[in-house]
Amino acid sequence: MLYRKIEKNGDELSVLGFGAMRLPTKNGRTDEKRATEQIRYAIDHGVNYIDTAIAYMNESLVGRVLNDGYREKVKLATKLPPWNVNKPEEMENTFKVQLDNFKTDYIDYYMLHGLNSSSWNKMLEFGALEFLTKIKAEGKILNAGFSFHGDKDTFKEIVDAYNWDFCMIQYNYLDEENQAGTEGLKYAASKGLGVIVMEPFRGGNLTRNIPAEIEELWNQSEIKRTPPEWALRWVLNHPEVTCVISGMNEEEHIKENLRIADESLPHSLTTEELELIGKVKDKYRELMKTGCTGCHYCMPCPAGVDIPRCFELYDTANTFGNKRYGQLQYAIGLGIINKGYASQCIKCGKCLEHCPQELPITELLDDVSNDMENILTKILPPVFKFYLSFDRMMTNRKANKK
């Protein structure tokens, strides 16, 4: 296993981290026996960074996996969900429950979860930075960070606002410009932050249902690699990346990723290989319906539409052959967390003035609305909001009993 050092704290993290968001299931429930075997296998083979979140509803399971001496072998990472905190004191309550979930006295890497412009402002209002400083001074967390799903300007603002130890961004060869992107990656690294990368396979879309046009391009390479290997090697080719999180739930995937992680040094891809990946990226963009690169120049929208996210989910659903899952992500992500459905567009045309691709954004938003908005977008938000309220109530009750 290769390791990379974080300038801020001197920690050496395995270049491959284990993401516990998508653990194996059996009969509709997490298969704890298999998940335990998988995570411990990865740790036994050099992985020393385990990532989860209270929102994944498996912190207690991960805590049990790390029994028998495994807790001491890893850096444990988890997250505070801004969407489920409505009062400043609920940050303390949530954290107290998280420590109990893991049956540990401290968290190695603790993040504000999934920040964007609105959730960042909410966290500032609630004193989240002061809260992080407090629990770090108490030794309850060792490193403070944030995960991110917003625009580049907000990302830089957050990086500059606090003495962070690390951050987590979505990054893959299709998302060089999307969200924080390459610019954000280099900016965070220049400040000495460790950069953890999530979604190197874009939710698995870069590894399955590969279009014939993409397969033809991959076959042009003299060295034959699987799509997951190309994607993972591309991310690790960047020296600014500290660790890549993979949500591995198949034994063969774990073994393959471990092998790749043993070989993927910075700048190890040749010029020809990088050009080939560039061709694959361009072909994927051609196959997508909107042509949006996620640059965010169209934002903010006066009507509150999250235009880049609408296009990203729409393109993903229609390019990678998993429309139902894409519609589910659309309903939850844009109906609850960001509140920016395409149907909210009022046709003011301001976005059209700023799009460098000169896309017919308002027309495309109609396409998104017609294709992605259905019964799920009506039913899921109120149901999920009820669940969040119930979950928040139970978290507070549990915290107050301690």
Foldseek 3Di string as FASTA:
>chain_A
DAWDAQQVPRDTFQQAAAEALDADDDPPHHPLVLSLVLVVVLLVLPHAEYEDEVVSVCLLSVLVSCPPPNVVSHQYEYEDELLLDDALVLSVLLLLVSCVSNVHQAHAEYAHEADEDVSVVSCVVSVVQVVVVVCCVVVRYVFYEYEYQYAQVVLLVVLPPHPGQAYEYEDWLLQCQAHNHPVNLVSNVVSRHAYEYECLCVVVLQQPQDDPVLVVLQVVDPDHDGSVLLSSLVVQLASSHRHYYDHDHDNVVSVVVSVSSVPRHHVPDDPVSVVSSVVSSVVLCVQFDFSDSNNCQLDDDPLQAPQSVLSVLRRSLPRRVPVVVSLLCCLPVCLRVRVHQLVSDPPPCSSCVGDPVSTPRNVVSVVSCVRRDDVSNVPVRVVVVVVSVVVSVVSNVVSVVD
